[in-house]
Amino acid sequence: LTADAFETFTEGKGPYDAAVAERL
C-alpha cells in the first residue's frame, strides 16, 4: 500500500502535494 500510495504524490505535484495530502 505504501509504495502505491507514495506514487499518488509523485504522479501529482510531488511529495508535498496539498490535495493528495488532504485525501490521505
PDBML (XML) file of the C-alpha atoms, coordinates in Angstrom:
<?xml version="1.0" encoding="UTF-8" ?>
<PDBx:datablock datablockName="MODEL"
   xmlns:PDBx="http://pdbml.pdb.org/schema/pdbx-v50.xsd"
   xmlns:xsi="http://www.w3.org/2001/XMLSchema-instance"
   xsi:schemaLocation="http://pdbml.pdb.org/schema/pdbx-v50.xsd pdbx-v50.xsd">
   <PDBx:atom_siteCategory>
      <PDBx:atom_site id="1">
         <PDBx:B_iso_or_equiv>0.00</PDBx:B_iso_or_equiv>
         <PDBx:Cartn_x>0.000</PDBx:Cartn_x>
         <PDBx:Cartn_y>0.000</PDBx:Cartn_y>
         <PDBx:Cartn_z>0.000</PDBx:Cartn_z>
         <PDBx:auth_asym_id>A</PDBx:auth_asym_id>
         <PDBx:auth_atom_id>CA</PDBx:auth_atom_id>
         <PDBx:auth_comp_id>LEU</PDBx:auth_comp_id>
         <PDBx:auth_seq_id>1</PDBx:auth_seq_id>
         <PDBx:group_PDB>ATOM</PDBx:group_PDB>
         <PDBx:label_alt_id xsi:nil="true" />
         <PDBx:label_asym_id>A</PDBx:label_asym_id>
         <PDBx:label_atom_id>CA</PDBx:label_atom_id>
         <PDBx:label_comp_id>LEU</PDBx:label_comp_id>
         <PDBx:label_entity_id>1</PDBx:label_entity_id>
         <PDBx:label_seq_id>1</PDBx:label_seq_id>
         <PDBx:occupancy>1.00</PDBx:occupancy>
         <PDBx:pdbx_PDB_model_num>1</PDBx:pdbx_PDB_model_num>
         <PDBx:type_symbol>C</PDBx:type_symbol>
      </PDBx:atom_site>
      <PDBx:atom_site id="2">
         <PDBx:B_iso_or_equiv>0.00</PDBx:B_iso_or_equiv>
         <PDBx:Cartn_x>2.820</PDBx:Cartn_x>
         <PDBx:Cartn_y>2.366</PDBx:Cartn_y>
         <PDBx:Cartn_z>0.947</PDBx:Cartn_z>
         <PDBx:auth_asym_id>A</PDBx:auth_asym_id>
         <PDBx:auth_atom_id>CA</PDBx:auth_atom_id>
         <PDBx:auth_comp_id>THR</PDBx:auth_comp_id>
         <PDBx:auth_seq_id>2</PDBx:auth_seq_id>
         <PDBx:group_PDB>ATOM</PDBx:group_PDB>
         <PDBx:label_alt_id xsi:nil="true" />
         <PDBx:label_asym_id>A</PDBx:label_asym_id>
         <PDBx:label_atom_id>CA</PDBx:label_atom_id>
         <PDBx:label_comp_id>THR</PDBx:label_comp_id>
         <PDBx:label_entity_id>1</PDBx:label_entity_id>
         <PDBx:label_seq_id>2</PDBx:label_seq_id>
         <PDBx:occupancy>1.00</PDBx:occupancy>
         <PDBx:pdbx_PDB_model_num>1</PDBx:pdbx_PDB_model_num>
         <PDBx:type_symbol>C</PDBx:type_symbol>
      </PDBx:atom_site>
      <PDBx:atom_site id="3">
         <PDBx:B_iso_or_equiv>0.00</PDBx:B_iso_or_equiv>
         <PDBx:Cartn_x>4.622</PDBx:Cartn_x>
         <PDBx:Cartn_y>2.132</PDBx:Cartn_y>
         <PDBx:Cartn_z>-2.379</PDBx:Cartn_z>
         <PDBx:auth_asym_id>A</PDBx:auth_asym_id>
         <PDBx:auth_atom_id>CA</PDBx:auth_atom_id>
         <PDBx:auth_comp_id>ALA</PDBx:auth_comp_id>
         <PDBx:auth_seq_id>3</PDBx:auth_seq_id>
         <PDBx:group_PDB>ATOM</PDBx:group_PDB>
         <PDBx:label_alt_id xsi:nil="true" />
         <PDBx:label_asym_id>A</PDBx:label_asym_id>
         <PDBx:label_atom_id>CA</PDBx:label_atom_id>
         <PDBx:label_comp_id>ALA</PDBx:label_comp_id>
         <PDBx:label_entity_id>1</PDBx:label_entity_id>
         <PDBx:label_seq_id>3</PDBx:label_seq_id>
         <PDBx:occupancy>1.00</PDBx:occupancy>
         <PDBx:pdbx_PDB_model_num>1</PDBx:pdbx_PDB_model_num>
         <PDBx:type_symbol>C</PDBx:type_symbol>
      </PDBx:atom_site>
      <PDBx:atom_site id="4">
         <PDBx:B_iso_or_equiv>0.00</PDBx:B_iso_or_equiv>
         <PDBx:Cartn_x>1.398</PDBx:Cartn_x>
         <PDBx:Cartn_y>2.558</PDBx:Cartn_y>
         <PDBx:Cartn_z>-4.300</PDBx:Cartn_z>
         <PDBx:auth_asym_id>A</PDBx:auth_asym_id>
         <PDBx:auth_atom_id>CA</PDBx:auth_atom_id>
         <PDBx:auth_comp_id>ASP</PDBx:auth_comp_id>
         <PDBx:auth_seq_id>4</PDBx:auth_seq_id>
         <PDBx:group_PDB>ATOM</PDBx:group_PDB>
         <PDBx:label_alt_id xsi:nil="true" />
         <PDBx:label_asym_id>A</PDBx:label_asym_id>
         <PDBx:label_atom_id>CA</PDBx:label_atom_id>
         <PDBx:label_comp_id>ASP</PDBx:label_comp_id>
         <PDBx:label_entity_id>1</PDBx:label_entity_id>
         <PDBx:label_seq_id>4</PDBx:label_seq_id>
         <PDBx:occupancy>1.00</PDBx:occupancy>
         <PDBx:pdbx_PDB_model_num>1</PDBx:pdbx_PDB_model_num>
         <PDBx:type_symbol>C</PDBx:type_symbol>
      </PDBx:atom_site>
      <PDBx:atom_site id="5">
         <PDBx:B_iso_or_equiv>0.00</PDBx:B_iso_or_equiv>
         <PDBx:Cartn_x>0.274</PDBx:Cartn_x>
         <PDBx:Cartn_y>5.478</PDBx:Cartn_y>
         <PDBx:Cartn_z>-2.127</PDBx:Cartn_z>
         <PDBx:auth_asym_id>A</PDBx:auth_asym_id>
         <PDBx:auth_atom_id>CA</PDBx:auth_atom_id>
         <PDBx:auth_comp_id>ALA</PDBx:auth_comp_id>
         <PDBx:auth_seq_id>5</PDBx:auth_seq_id>
         <PDBx:group_PDB>ATOM</PDBx:group_PDB>
         <PDBx:label_alt_id xsi:nil="true" />
         <PDBx:label_asym_id>A</PDBx:label_asym_id>
         <PDBx:label_atom_id>CA</PDBx:label_atom_id>
         <PDBx:label_comp_id>ALA</PDBx:label_comp_id>
         <PDBx:label_entity_id>1</PDBx:label_entity_id>
         <PDBx:label_seq_id>5</PDBx:label_seq_id>
         <PDBx:occupancy>1.00</PDBx:occupancy>
         <PDBx:pdbx_PDB_model_num>1</PDBx:pdbx_PDB_model_num>
         <PDBx:type_symbol>C</PDBx:type_symbol>
      </PDBx:atom_site>
      <PDBx:atom_site id="6">
         <PDBx:B_iso_or_equiv>0.00</PDBx:B_iso_or_equiv>
         <PDBx:Cartn_x>3.522</PDBx:Cartn_x>
         <PDBx:Cartn_y>7.409</PDBx:Cartn_y>
         <PDBx:Cartn_z>-2.490</PDBx:Cartn_z>
         <PDBx:auth_asym_id>A</PDBx:auth_asym_id>
         <PDBx:auth_atom_id>CA</PDBx:auth_atom_id>
         <PDBx:auth_comp_id>PHE</PDBx:auth_comp_id>
         <PDBx:auth_seq_id>6</PDBx:auth_seq_id>
         <PDBx:group_PDB>ATOM</PDBx:group_PDB>
         <PDBx:label_alt_id xsi:nil="true" />
         <PDBx:label_asym_id>A</PDBx:label_asym_id>
         <PDBx:label_atom_id>CA</PDBx:label_atom_id>
         <PDBx:label_comp_id>PHE</PDBx:label_comp_id>
         <PDBx:label_entity_id>1</PDBx:label_entity_id>
         <PDBx:label_seq_id>6</PDBx:label_seq_id>
         <PDBx:occupancy>1.00</PDBx:occupancy>
         <PDBx:pdbx_PDB_model_num>1</PDBx:pdbx_PDB_model_num>
         <PDBx:type_symbol>C</PDBx:type_symbol>
      </PDBx:atom_site>
      <PDBx:atom_site id="7">
         <PDBx:B_iso_or_equiv>0.00</PDBx:B_iso_or_equiv>
         <PDBx:Cartn_x>3.191</PDBx:Cartn_x>
         <PDBx:Cartn_y>7.139</PDBx:Cartn_y>
         <PDBx:Cartn_z>-6.254</PDBx:Cartn_z>
         <PDBx:auth_asym_id>A</PDBx:auth_asym_id>
         <PDBx:auth_atom_id>CA</PDBx:auth_atom_id>
         <PDBx:auth_comp_id>GLU</PDBx:auth_comp_id>
         <PDBx:auth_seq_id>7</PDBx:auth_seq_id>
         <PDBx:group_PDB>ATOM</PDBx:group_PDB>
         <PDBx:label_alt_id xsi:nil="true" />
         <PDBx:label_asym_id>A</PDBx:label_asym_id>
         <PDBx:label_atom_id>CA</PDBx:label_atom_id>
         <PDBx:label_comp_id>GLU</PDBx:label_comp_id>
         <PDBx:label_entity_id>1</PDBx:label_entity_id>
         <PDBx:label_seq_id>7</PDBx:label_seq_id>
         <PDBx:occupancy>1.00</PDBx:occupancy>
         <PDBx:pdbx_PDB_model_num>1</PDBx:pdbx_PDB_model_num>
         <PDBx:type_symbol>C</PDBx:type_symbol>
      </PDBx:atom_site>
      <PDBx:atom_site id="8">
         <PDBx:B_iso_or_equiv>0.00</PDBx:B_iso_or_equiv>
         <PDBx:Cartn_x>-0.046</PDBx:Cartn_x>
         <PDBx:Cartn_y>9.086</PDBx:Cartn_y>
         <PDBx:Cartn_z>-5.825</PDBx:Cartn_z>
         <PDBx:auth_asym_id>A</PDBx:auth_asym_id>
         <PDBx:auth_atom_id>CA</PDBx:auth_atom_id>
         <PDBx:auth_comp_id>THR</PDBx:auth_comp_id>
         <PDBx:auth_seq_id>8</PDBx:auth_seq_id>
         <PDBx:group_PDB>ATOM</PDBx:group_PDB>
         <PDBx:label_alt_id xsi:nil="true" />
         <PDBx:label_asym_id>A</PDBx:label_asym_id>
         <PDBx:label_atom_id>CA</PDBx:label_atom_id>
         <PDBx:label_comp_id>THR</PDBx:label_comp_id>
         <PDBx:label_entity_id>1</PDBx:label_entity_id>
         <PDBx:label_seq_id>8</PDBx:label_seq_id>
         <PDBx:occupancy>1.00</PDBx:occupancy>
         <PDBx:pdbx_PDB_model_num>1</PDBx:pdbx_PDB_model_num>
         <PDBx:type_symbol>C</PDBx:type_symbol>
      </PDBx:atom_site>
      <PDBx:atom_site id="9">
         <PDBx:B_iso_or_equiv>0.00</PDBx:B_iso_or_equiv>
         <PDBx:Cartn_x>2.089</PDBx:Cartn_x>
         <PDBx:Cartn_y>12.007</PDBx:Cartn_y>
         <PDBx:Cartn_z>-4.668</PDBx:Cartn_z>
         <PDBx:auth_asym_id>A</PDBx:auth_asym_id>
         <PDBx:auth_atom_id>CA</PDBx:auth_atom_id>
         <PDBx:auth_comp_id>PHE</PDBx:auth_comp_id>
         <PDBx:auth_seq_id>9</PDBx:auth_seq_id>
         <PDBx:group_PDB>ATOM</PDBx:group_PDB>
         <PDBx:label_alt_id xsi:nil="true" />
         <PDBx:label_asym_id>A</PDBx:label_asym_id>
         <PDBx:label_atom_id>CA</PDBx:label_atom_id>
         <PDBx:label_comp_id>PHE</PDBx:label_comp_id>
         <PDBx:label_entity_id>1</PDBx:label_entity_id>
         <PDBx:label_seq_id>9</PDBx:label_seq_id>
         <PDBx:occupancy>1.00</PDBx:occupancy>
         <PDBx:pdbx_PDB_model_num>1</PDBx:pdbx_PDB_model_num>
         <PDBx:type_symbol>C</PDBx:type_symbol>
      </PDBx:atom_site>
      <PDBx:atom_site id="10">
         <PDBx:B_iso_or_equiv>0.00</PDBx:B_iso_or_equiv>
         <PDBx:Cartn_x>4.735</PDBx:Cartn_x>
         <PDBx:Cartn_y>11.603</PDBx:Cartn_y>
         <PDBx:Cartn_z>-7.365</PDBx:Cartn_z>
         <PDBx:auth_asym_id>A</PDBx:auth_asym_id>
         <PDBx:auth_atom_id>CA</PDBx:auth_atom_id>
         <PDBx:auth_comp_id>THR</PDBx:auth_comp_id>
         <PDBx:auth_seq_id>10</PDBx:auth_seq_id>
         <PDBx:group_PDB>ATOM</PDBx:group_PDB>
         <PDBx:label_alt_id xsi:nil="true" />
         <PDBx:label_asym_id>A</PDBx:label_asym_id>
         <PDBx:label_atom_id>CA</PDBx:label_atom_id>
         <PDBx:label_comp_id>THR</PDBx:label_comp_id>
         <PDBx:label_entity_id>1</PDBx:label_entity_id>
         <PDBx:label_seq_id>10</PDBx:label_seq_id>
         <PDBx:occupancy>1.00</PDBx:occupancy>
         <PDBx:pdbx_PDB_model_num>1</PDBx:pdbx_PDB_model_num>
         <PDBx:type_symbol>C</PDBx:type_symbol>
      </PDBx:atom_site>
      <PDBx:atom_site id="11">
         <PDBx:B_iso_or_equiv>0.00</PDBx:B_iso_or_equiv>
         <PDBx:Cartn_x>2.048</PDBx:Cartn_x>
         <PDBx:Cartn_y>11.328</PDBx:Cartn_y>
         <PDBx:Cartn_z>-10.038</PDBx:Cartn_z>
         <PDBx:auth_asym_id>A</PDBx:auth_asym_id>
         <PDBx:auth_atom_id>CA</PDBx:auth_atom_id>
         <PDBx:auth_comp_id>GLU</PDBx:auth_comp_id>
         <PDBx:auth_seq_id>11</PDBx:auth_seq_id>
         <PDBx:group_PDB>ATOM</PDBx:group_PDB>
         <PDBx:label_alt_id xsi:nil="true" />
         <PDBx:label_asym_id>A</PDBx:label_asym_id>
         <PDBx:label_atom_id>CA</PDBx:label_atom_id>
         <PDBx:label_comp_id>GLU</PDBx:label_comp_id>
         <PDBx:label_entity_id>1</PDBx:label_entity_id>
         <PDBx:label_seq_id>11</PDBx:label_seq_id>
         <PDBx:occupancy>1.00</PDBx:occupancy>
         <PDBx:pdbx_PDB_model_num>1</PDBx:pdbx_PDB_model_num>
         <PDBx:type_symbol>C</PDBx:type_symbol>
      </PDBx:atom_site>
      <PDBx:atom_site id="12">
         <PDBx:B_iso_or_equiv>0.00</PDBx:B_iso_or_equiv>
         <PDBx:Cartn_x>0.706</PDBx:Cartn_x>
         <PDBx:Cartn_y>14.654</PDBx:Cartn_y>
         <PDBx:Cartn_z>-8.766</PDBx:Cartn_z>
         <PDBx:auth_asym_id>A</PDBx:auth_asym_id>
         <PDBx:auth_atom_id>CA</PDBx:auth_atom_id>
         <PDBx:auth_comp_id>GLY</PDBx:auth_comp_id>
         <PDBx:auth_seq_id>12</PDBx:auth_seq_id>
         <PDBx:group_PDB>ATOM</PDBx:group_PDB>
         <PDBx:label_alt_id xsi:nil="true" />
         <PDBx:label_asym_id>A</PDBx:label_asym_id>
         <PDBx:label_atom_id>CA</PDBx:label_atom_id>
         <PDBx:label_comp_id>GLY</PDBx:label_comp_id>
         <PDBx:label_entity_id>1</PDBx:label_entity_id>
         <PDBx:label_seq_id>12</PDBx:label_seq_id>
         <PDBx:occupancy>1.00</PDBx:occupancy>
         <PDBx:pdbx_PDB_model_num>1</PDBx:pdbx_PDB_model_num>
         <PDBx:type_symbol>C</PDBx:type_symbol>
      </PDBx:atom_site>
      <PDBx:atom_site id="13">
         <PDBx:B_iso_or_equiv>0.00</PDBx:B_iso_or_equiv>
         <PDBx:Cartn_x>2.692</PDBx:Cartn_x>
         <PDBx:Cartn_y>17.709</PDBx:Cartn_y>
         <PDBx:Cartn_z>-7.763</PDBx:Cartn_z>
         <PDBx:auth_asym_id>A</PDBx:auth_asym_id>
         <PDBx:auth_atom_id>CA</PDBx:auth_atom_id>
         <PDBx:auth_comp_id>LYS</PDBx:auth_comp_id>
         <PDBx:auth_seq_id>13</PDBx:auth_seq_id>
         <PDBx:group_PDB>ATOM</PDBx:group_PDB>
         <PDBx:label_alt_id xsi:nil="true" />
         <PDBx:label_asym_id>A</PDBx:label_asym_id>
         <PDBx:label_atom_id>CA</PDBx:label_atom_id>
         <PDBx:label_comp_id>LYS</PDBx:label_comp_id>
         <PDBx:label_entity_id>1</PDBx:label_entity_id>
         <PDBx:label_seq_id>13</PDBx:label_seq_id>
         <PDBx:occupancy>1.00</PDBx:occupancy>
         <PDBx:pdbx_PDB_model_num>1</PDBx:pdbx_PDB_model_num>
         <PDBx:type_symbol>C</PDBx:type_symbol>
      </PDBx:atom_site>
      <PDBx:atom_site id="14">
         <PDBx:B_iso_or_equiv>0.00</PDBx:B_iso_or_equiv>
         <PDBx:Cartn_x>5.218</PDBx:Cartn_x>
         <PDBx:Cartn_y>15.822</PDBx:Cartn_y>
         <PDBx:Cartn_z>-5.641</PDBx:Cartn_z>
         <PDBx:auth_asym_id>A</PDBx:auth_asym_id>
         <PDBx:auth_atom_id>CA</PDBx:auth_atom_id>
         <PDBx:auth_comp_id>GLY</PDBx:auth_comp_id>
         <PDBx:auth_seq_id>14</PDBx:auth_seq_id>
         <PDBx:group_PDB>ATOM</PDBx:group_PDB>
         <PDBx:label_alt_id xsi:nil="true" />
         <PDBx:label_asym_id>A</PDBx:label_asym_id>
         <PDBx:label_atom_id>CA</PDBx:label_atom_id>
         <PDBx:label_comp_id>GLY</PDBx:label_comp_id>
         <PDBx:label_entity_id>1</PDBx:label_entity_id>
         <PDBx:label_seq_id>14</PDBx:label_seq_id>
         <PDBx:occupancy>1.00</PDBx:occupancy>
         <PDBx:pdbx_PDB_model_num>1</PDBx:pdbx_PDB_model_num>
         <PDBx:type_symbol>C</PDBx:type_symbol>
      </PDBx:atom_site>
      <PDBx:atom_site id="15">
         <PDBx:B_iso_or_equiv>0.00</PDBx:B_iso_or_equiv>
         <PDBx:Cartn_x>5.626</PDBx:Cartn_x>
         <PDBx:Cartn_y>14.682</PDBx:Cartn_y>
         <PDBx:Cartn_z>-2.012</PDBx:Cartn_z>
         <PDBx:auth_asym_id>A</PDBx:auth_asym_id>
         <PDBx:auth_atom_id>CA</PDBx:auth_atom_id>
         <PDBx:auth_comp_id>PRO</PDBx:auth_comp_id>
         <PDBx:auth_seq_id>15</PDBx:auth_seq_id>
         <PDBx:group_PDB>ATOM</PDBx:group_PDB>
         <PDBx:label_alt_id xsi:nil="true" />
         <PDBx:label_asym_id>A</PDBx:label_asym_id>
         <PDBx:label_atom_id>CA</PDBx:label_atom_id>
         <PDBx:label_comp_id>PRO</PDBx:label_comp_id>
         <PDBx:label_entity_id>1</PDBx:label_entity_id>
         <PDBx:label_seq_id>15</PDBx:label_seq_id>
         <PDBx:occupancy>1.00</PDBx:occupancy>
         <PDBx:pdbx_PDB_model_num>1</PDBx:pdbx_PDB_model_num>
         <PDBx:type_symbol>C</PDBx:type_symbol>
      </PDBx:atom_site>
      <PDBx:atom_site id="16">
         <PDBx:B_iso_or_equiv>0.00</PDBx:B_iso_or_equiv>
         <PDBx:Cartn_x>4.078</PDBx:Cartn_x>
         <PDBx:Cartn_y>17.868</PDBx:Cartn_y>
         <PDBx:Cartn_z>-0.625</PDBx:Cartn_z>
         <PDBx:auth_asym_id>A</PDBx:auth_asym_id>
         <PDBx:auth_atom_id>CA</PDBx:auth_atom_id>
         <PDBx:auth_comp_id>TYR</PDBx:auth_comp_id>
         <PDBx:auth_seq_id>16</PDBx:auth_seq_id>
         <PDBx:group_PDB>ATOM</PDBx:group_PDB>
         <PDBx:label_alt_id xsi:nil="true" />
         <PDBx:label_asym_id>A</PDBx:label_asym_id>
         <PDBx:label_atom_id>CA</PDBx:label_atom_id>
         <PDBx:label_comp_id>TYR</PDBx:label_comp_id>
         <PDBx:label_entity_id>1</PDBx:label_entity_id>
         <PDBx:label_seq_id>16</PDBx:label_seq_id>
         <PDBx:occupancy>1.00</PDBx:occupancy>
         <PDBx:pdbx_PDB_model_num>1</PDBx:pdbx_PDB_model_num>
         <PDBx:type_symbol>C</PDBx:type_symbol>
      </PDBx:atom_site>
      <PDBx:atom_site id="17">
         <PDBx:B_iso_or_equiv>0.00</PDBx:B_iso_or_equiv>
         <PDBx:Cartn_x>1.045</PDBx:Cartn_x>
         <PDBx:Cartn_y>17.962</PDBx:Cartn_y>
         <PDBx:Cartn_z>-2.922</PDBx:Cartn_z>
         <PDBx:auth_asym_id>A</PDBx:auth_asym_id>
         <PDBx:auth_atom_id>CA</PDBx:auth_atom_id>
         <PDBx:auth_comp_id>ASP</PDBx:auth_comp_id>
         <PDBx:auth_seq_id>17</PDBx:auth_seq_id>
         <PDBx:group_PDB>ATOM</PDBx:group_PDB>
         <PDBx:label_alt_id xsi:nil="true" />
         <PDBx:label_asym_id>A</PDBx:label_asym_id>
         <PDBx:label_atom_id>CA</PDBx:label_atom_id>
         <PDBx:label_comp_id>ASP</PDBx:label_comp_id>
         <PDBx:label_entity_id>1</PDBx:label_entity_id>
         <PDBx:label_seq_id>17</PDBx:label_seq_id>
         <PDBx:occupancy>1.00</PDBx:occupancy>
         <PDBx:pdbx_PDB_model_num>1</PDBx:pdbx_PDB_model_num>
         <PDBx:type_symbol>C</PDBx:type_symbol>
      </PDBx:atom_site>
      <PDBx:atom_site id="18">
         <PDBx:B_iso_or_equiv>0.00</PDBx:B_iso_or_equiv>
         <PDBx:Cartn_x>-1.558</PDBx:Cartn_x>
         <PDBx:Cartn_y>19.566</PDBx:Cartn_y>
         <PDBx:Cartn_z>-0.625</PDBx:Cartn_z>
         <PDBx:auth_asym_id>A</PDBx:auth_asym_id>
         <PDBx:auth_atom_id>CA</PDBx:auth_atom_id>
         <PDBx:auth_comp_id>ALA</PDBx:auth_comp_id>
         <PDBx:auth_seq_id>18</PDBx:auth_seq_id>
         <PDBx:group_PDB>ATOM</PDBx:group_PDB>
         <PDBx:label_alt_id xsi:nil="true" />
         <PDBx:label_asym_id>A</PDBx:label_asym_id>
         <PDBx:label_atom_id>CA</PDBx:label_atom_id>
         <PDBx:label_comp_id>ALA</PDBx:label_comp_id>
         <PDBx:label_entity_id>1</PDBx:label_entity_id>
         <PDBx:label_seq_id>18</PDBx:label_seq_id>
         <PDBx:occupancy>1.00</PDBx:occupancy>
         <PDBx:pdbx_PDB_model_num>1</PDBx:pdbx_PDB_model_num>
         <PDBx:type_symbol>C</PDBx:type_symbol>
      </PDBx:atom_site>
      <PDBx:atom_site id="19">
         <PDBx:B_iso_or_equiv>0.00</PDBx:B_iso_or_equiv>
         <PDBx:Cartn_x>-4.562</PDBx:Cartn_x>
         <PDBx:Cartn_y>17.998</PDBx:Cartn_y>
         <PDBx:Cartn_z>-2.377</PDBx:Cartn_z>
         <PDBx:auth_asym_id>A</PDBx:auth_asym_id>
         <PDBx:auth_atom_id>CA</PDBx:auth_atom_id>
         <PDBx:auth_comp_id>ALA</PDBx:auth_comp_id>
         <PDBx:auth_seq_id>19</PDBx:auth_seq_id>
         <PDBx:group_PDB>ATOM</PDBx:group_PDB>
         <PDBx:label_alt_id xsi:nil="true" />
         <PDBx:label_asym_id>A</PDBx:label_asym_id>
         <PDBx:label_atom_id>CA</PDBx:label_atom_id>
         <PDBx:label_comp_id>ALA</PDBx:label_comp_id>
         <PDBx:label_entity_id>1</PDBx:label_entity_id>
         <PDBx:label_seq_id>19</PDBx:label_seq_id>
         <PDBx:occupancy>1.00</PDBx:occupancy>
         <PDBx:pdbx_PDB_model_num>1</PDBx:pdbx_PDB_model_num>
         <PDBx:type_symbol>C</PDBx:type_symbol>
      </PDBx:atom_site>
      <PDBx:atom_site id="20">
         <PDBx:B_iso_or_equiv>0.00</PDBx:B_iso_or_equiv>
         <PDBx:Cartn_x>-3.165</PDBx:Cartn_x>
         <PDBx:Cartn_y>14.471</PDBx:Cartn_y>
         <PDBx:Cartn_z>-2.124</PDBx:Cartn_z>
         <PDBx:auth_asym_id>A</PDBx:auth_asym_id>
         <PDBx:auth_atom_id>CA</PDBx:auth_atom_id>
         <PDBx:auth_comp_id>VAL</PDBx:auth_comp_id>
         <PDBx:auth_seq_id>20</PDBx:auth_seq_id>
         <PDBx:group_PDB>ATOM</PDBx:group_PDB>
         <PDBx:label_alt_id xsi:nil="true" />
         <PDBx:label_asym_id>A</PDBx:label_asym_id>
         <PDBx:label_atom_id>CA</PDBx:label_atom_id>
         <PDBx:label_comp_id>VAL</PDBx:label_comp_id>
         <PDBx:label_entity_id>1</PDBx:label_entity_id>
         <PDBx:label_seq_id>20</PDBx:label_seq_id>
         <PDBx:occupancy>1.00</PDBx:occupancy>
         <PDBx:pdbx_PDB_model_num>1</PDBx:pdbx_PDB_model_num>
         <PDBx:type_symbol>C</PDBx:type_symbol>
      </PDBx:atom_site>
      <PDBx:atom_site id="21">
         <PDBx:B_iso_or_equiv>0.00</PDBx:B_iso_or_equiv>
         <PDBx:Cartn_x>-2.120</PDBx:Cartn_x>
         <PDBx:Cartn_y>15.076</PDBx:Cartn_y>
         <PDBx:Cartn_z>1.498</PDBx:Cartn_z>
         <PDBx:auth_asym_id>A</PDBx:auth_asym_id>
         <PDBx:auth_atom_id>CA</PDBx:auth_atom_id>
         <PDBx:auth_comp_id>ALA</PDBx:auth_comp_id>
         <PDBx:auth_seq_id>21</PDBx:auth_seq_id>
         <PDBx:group_PDB>ATOM</PDBx:group_PDB>
         <PDBx:label_alt_id xsi:nil="true" />
         <PDBx:label_asym_id>A</PDBx:label_asym_id>
         <PDBx:label_atom_id>CA</PDBx:label_atom_id>
         <PDBx:label_comp_id>ALA</PDBx:label_comp_id>
         <PDBx:label_entity_id>1</PDBx:label_entity_id>
         <PDBx:label_seq_id>21</PDBx:label_seq_id>
         <PDBx:occupancy>1.00</PDBx:occupancy>
         <PDBx:pdbx_PDB_model_num>1</PDBx:pdbx_PDB_model_num>
         <PDBx:type_symbol>C</PDBx:type_symbol>
      </PDBx:atom_site>
      <PDBx:atom_site id="22">
         <PDBx:B_iso_or_equiv>0.00</PDBx:B_iso_or_equiv>
         <PDBx:Cartn_x>-5.648</PDBx:Cartn_x>
         <PDBx:Cartn_y>16.162</PDBx:Cartn_y>
         <PDBx:Cartn_z>2.345</PDBx:Cartn_z>
         <PDBx:auth_asym_id>A</PDBx:auth_asym_id>
         <PDBx:auth_atom_id>CA</PDBx:auth_atom_id>
         <PDBx:auth_comp_id>GLU</PDBx:auth_comp_id>
         <PDBx:auth_seq_id>22</PDBx:auth_seq_id>
         <PDBx:group_PDB>ATOM</PDBx:group_PDB>
         <PDBx:label_alt_id xsi:nil="true" />
         <PDBx:label_asym_id>A</PDBx:label_asym_id>
         <PDBx:label_atom_id>CA</PDBx:label_atom_id>
         <PDBx:label_comp_id>GLU</PDBx:label_comp_id>
         <PDBx:label_entity_id>1</PDBx:label_entity_id>
         <PDBx:label_seq_id>22</PDBx:label_seq_id>
         <PDBx:occupancy>1.00</PDBx:occupancy>
         <PDBx:pdbx_PDB_model_num>1</PDBx:pdbx_PDB_model_num>
         <PDBx:type_symbol>C</PDBx:type_symbol>
      </PDBx:atom_site>
      <PDBx:atom_site id="23">
         <PDBx:B_iso_or_equiv>0.00</PDBx:B_iso_or_equiv>
         <PDBx:Cartn_x>-7.091</PDBx:Cartn_x>
         <PDBx:Cartn_y>12.990</PDBx:Cartn_y>
         <PDBx:Cartn_z>0.752</PDBx:Cartn_z>
         <PDBx:auth_asym_id>A</PDBx:auth_asym_id>
         <PDBx:auth_atom_id>CA</PDBx:auth_atom_id>
         <PDBx:auth_comp_id>ARG</PDBx:auth_comp_id>
         <PDBx:auth_seq_id>23</PDBx:auth_seq_id>
         <PDBx:group_PDB>ATOM</PDBx:group_PDB>
         <PDBx:label_alt_id xsi:nil="true" />
         <PDBx:label_asym_id>A</PDBx:label_asym_id>
         <PDBx:label_atom_id>CA</PDBx:label_atom_id>
         <PDBx:label_comp_id>ARG</PDBx:label_comp_id>
         <PDBx:label_entity_id>1</PDBx:label_entity_id>
         <PDBx:label_seq_id>23</PDBx:label_seq_id>
         <PDBx:occupancy>1.00</PDBx:occupancy>
         <PDBx:pdbx_PDB_model_num>1</PDBx:pdbx_PDB_model_num>
         <PDBx:type_symbol>C</PDBx:type_symbol>
      </PDBx:atom_site>
      <PDBx:atom_site id="24">
         <PDBx:B_iso_or_equiv>0.00</PDBx:B_iso_or_equiv>
         <PDBx:Cartn_x>-4.590</PDBx:Cartn_x>
         <PDBx:Cartn_y>10.966</PDBx:Cartn_y>
         <PDBx:Cartn_z>2.772</PDBx:Cartn_z>
         <PDBx:auth_asym_id>A</PDBx:auth_asym_id>
         <PDBx:auth_atom_id>CA</PDBx:auth_atom_id>
         <PDBx:auth_comp_id>LEU</PDBx:auth_comp_id>
         <PDBx:auth_seq_id>24</PDBx:auth_seq_id>
         <PDBx:group_PDB>ATOM</PDBx:group_PDB>
         <PDBx:label_alt_id xsi:nil="true" />
         <PDBx:label_asym_id>A</PDBx:label_asym_id>
         <PDBx:label_atom_id>CA</PDBx:label_atom_id>
         <PDBx:label_comp_id>LEU</PDBx:label_comp_id>
         <PDBx:label_entity_id>1</PDBx:label_entity_id>
         <PDBx:label_seq_id>24</PDBx:label_seq_id>
         <PDBx:occupancy>1.00</PDBx:occupancy>
         <PDBx:pdbx_PDB_model_num>1</PDBx:pdbx_PDB_model_num>
         <PDBx:type_symbol>C</PDBx:type_symbol>
      </PDBx:atom_site>
   </PDBx:atom_siteCategory>
</PDBx:datablock>
